[in-house]
Protein backbone atom coordinates (compact mmCIF):
# COMPACT_ATOMS: atom_id res chain seq x y z
CA MET A 1 2.86 22.09 30.09
CA LEU A 2 1.59 22.00 26.51
CA VAL A 3 2.30 24.10 23.42
CA ARG A 4 -1.20 25.59 23.61
CA ASP A 5 -0.33 26.99 27.05
CA ALA A 6 2.80 28.75 25.79
CA MET A 7 2.08 29.72 22.18
CA SER A 8 1.28 33.18 20.96
CA THR A 9 -2.13 33.31 19.35
CA VAL A 10 -1.14 36.41 17.39
CA VAL A 11 -0.53 34.86 13.99
CA LEU A 12 0.49 37.25 11.26
CA THR A 13 -0.26 35.77 7.86
CA ILE A 14 1.17 37.47 4.80
CA GLY A 15 1.26 36.67 1.11
CA PRO A 16 4.28 35.52 -0.87
CA THR A 17 4.51 38.85 -2.73
CA HIS A 18 4.87 40.98 0.39
CA THR A 19 8.24 42.70 0.32
CA LEU A 20 10.71 42.15 3.12
CA ARG A 21 10.14 45.72 4.27
CA GLN A 22 6.38 45.16 4.43
CA ALA A 23 6.88 41.94 6.36
CA ALA A 24 9.30 43.63 8.75
CA ARG A 25 6.90 46.53 9.37
CA LEU A 26 3.99 44.20 10.10
CA MET A 27 6.08 41.98 12.37
CA SER A 28 7.51 44.99 14.20
CA ALA A 29 4.08 46.55 14.73
CA ARG A 30 2.87 43.32 16.35
CA ARG A 31 6.16 42.75 18.21
CA ILE A 32 6.54 39.23 16.82
CA GLY A 33 9.51 37.41 15.35
CA ALA A 34 7.86 35.34 12.63
CA ALA A 35 5.06 35.43 10.09
CA VAL A 36 3.22 32.66 8.30
CA VAL A 37 3.43 33.02 4.53
CA HIS A 38 0.41 31.59 2.74
CA ASP A 39 0.68 31.02 -0.98
CA PRO A 40 -2.82 30.48 -2.38
CA ASP A 41 -1.37 29.22 -5.67
CA THR A 42 0.37 26.30 -3.96
CA CYS A 43 -1.95 26.02 -0.92
CA GLY A 44 1.22 25.86 1.10
CA LEU A 45 2.29 27.43 4.35
CA SER A 46 5.81 28.59 5.00
CA ILE A 47 7.42 30.84 7.58
CA ILE A 48 9.58 33.94 7.46
CA THR A 49 11.44 35.07 10.54
CA GLU A 50 13.25 38.16 11.66
CA ARG A 51 16.49 36.23 11.07
CA ASP A 52 15.51 35.59 7.42
CA ILE A 53 14.94 39.31 6.90
CA LEU A 54 18.18 40.28 8.67
CA ASP A 55 20.18 37.79 6.59
CA ALA A 56 18.74 39.17 3.35
CA VAL A 57 19.24 42.84 4.22
CA GLY A 58 22.65 42.15 5.76
CA SER A 59 23.82 40.55 2.54
CA GLY A 60 22.92 43.70 0.60
CA LEU A 61 19.54 42.72 -0.86
CA ASP A 62 16.94 45.46 -1.33
CA PRO A 63 14.09 45.02 1.20
CA ASP A 64 11.76 46.92 -1.12
CA ARG A 65 12.33 44.51 -4.02
CA GLU A 66 12.83 41.17 -2.30
CA THR A 67 9.65 39.22 -1.64
CA ALA A 68 8.80 37.04 1.31
CA SER A 69 8.53 33.96 -0.89
CA ALA A 70 12.22 34.17 -1.79
CA HIS A 71 13.26 34.07 1.87
CA THR A 72 10.88 31.67 3.57
CA THR A 73 11.47 28.30 5.09
CA THR A 74 9.26 25.97 3.09
CA ASP A 75 10.29 22.72 4.76
CA VAL A 76 8.29 23.65 7.84
CA VAL A 77 7.86 21.51 10.93
CA PHE A 78 4.44 22.10 12.44
CA ALA A 79 3.50 21.62 16.08
CA ALA A 80 0.17 20.54 17.50
CA PRO A 81 -1.38 22.37 20.45
CA VAL A 82 -1.20 19.16 22.48
CA TRP A 83 2.55 18.68 22.09
CA THR A 84 4.50 19.07 25.29
CA LEU A 85 6.93 21.94 25.50
CA GLY A 86 9.67 19.31 25.62
CA GLU A 87 8.54 17.93 22.26
CA ALA A 88 8.49 21.43 20.78
CA ALA A 89 11.96 22.21 22.17
CA GLU A 90 13.29 18.92 20.79
CA ALA A 91 11.87 19.67 17.32
CA MET A 92 13.43 23.15 17.38
CA THR A 93 16.79 21.82 18.53
CA HIS A 94 16.78 19.03 15.95
CA GLY A 95 15.77 21.37 13.13
CA GLY A 96 17.90 24.33 14.16
CA PHE A 97 15.08 26.87 14.26
CA ARG A 98 13.41 29.08 16.86
CA HIS A 99 9.73 29.14 15.81
CA LEU A 100 7.07 26.51 15.16
CA ILE A 101 3.74 27.15 13.49
CA VAL A 102 1.01 25.51 15.57
CA LEU A 103 -1.69 23.84 13.49
CA ASP A 104 -5.06 22.66 14.68
CA GLY A 105 -7.50 21.41 12.09
CA ASP A 106 -7.11 23.27 8.82
CA GLY A 107 -4.93 26.18 9.75
CA PRO A 108 -2.49 27.94 12.03
CA VAL A 109 -3.74 28.76 15.51
CA GLY A 110 -0.50 30.05 16.96
CA ILE A 111 3.25 30.22 16.89
CA VAL A 112 5.48 28.95 19.66
CA SER A 113 9.00 30.28 19.98
CA VAL A 114 12.03 29.40 22.04
CA ARG A 115 11.29 32.53 24.08
CA ASP A 116 7.76 31.27 24.82
CA ILE A 117 9.14 27.98 26.09
CA ILE A 118 11.79 29.64 28.23
CA ARG A 119 9.18 31.99 29.68
CA CYS A 120 7.15 28.97 30.82
CA TRP A 121 10.08 26.93 32.09
CA ALA A 122 12.01 29.69 33.89
CA PRO A 123 9.61 30.15 36.85
CA ALA A 124 9.48 26.38 37.41
CA ARG A 125 13.29 26.19 37.41
CA ARG A 126 13.56 29.01 39.98
CA THR A 127 10.99 27.32 42.23
CA VAL A 128 12.88 24.01 42.10
CA ALA A 129 16.19 25.75 42.79
CA ALA A 130 14.76 27.67 45.77
CA ALA A 131 13.27 24.51 47.27
CA GLY A 132 16.58 22.61 46.96
């Protein structure tokens, strides 16, 4: 199975000046765990996750004053839609993260998470176990 078969095509893109509260509200409304942060001044893509927001708020930072750009992962590993789920899982394990932005052509077309991969693999594992 490929990343394109598992990824979420709901890609929330926010700007670097969005506050953590704004990012959290948008992510919560869409029931997603990560947002792409696009900085038009640097033409760069980064990612902010629910964990980034929790870490900031948990350490006492003000979610109404802290911006997304101060809490993003900028050293992003991108996946291609044609990667296997094994390749995506390996990249996540190696990098210690739970989300990959999926790029095709010039921009993001999806996000694949550990949960997406497990959701795809779990039925196959149960079928193999039942047959054994």
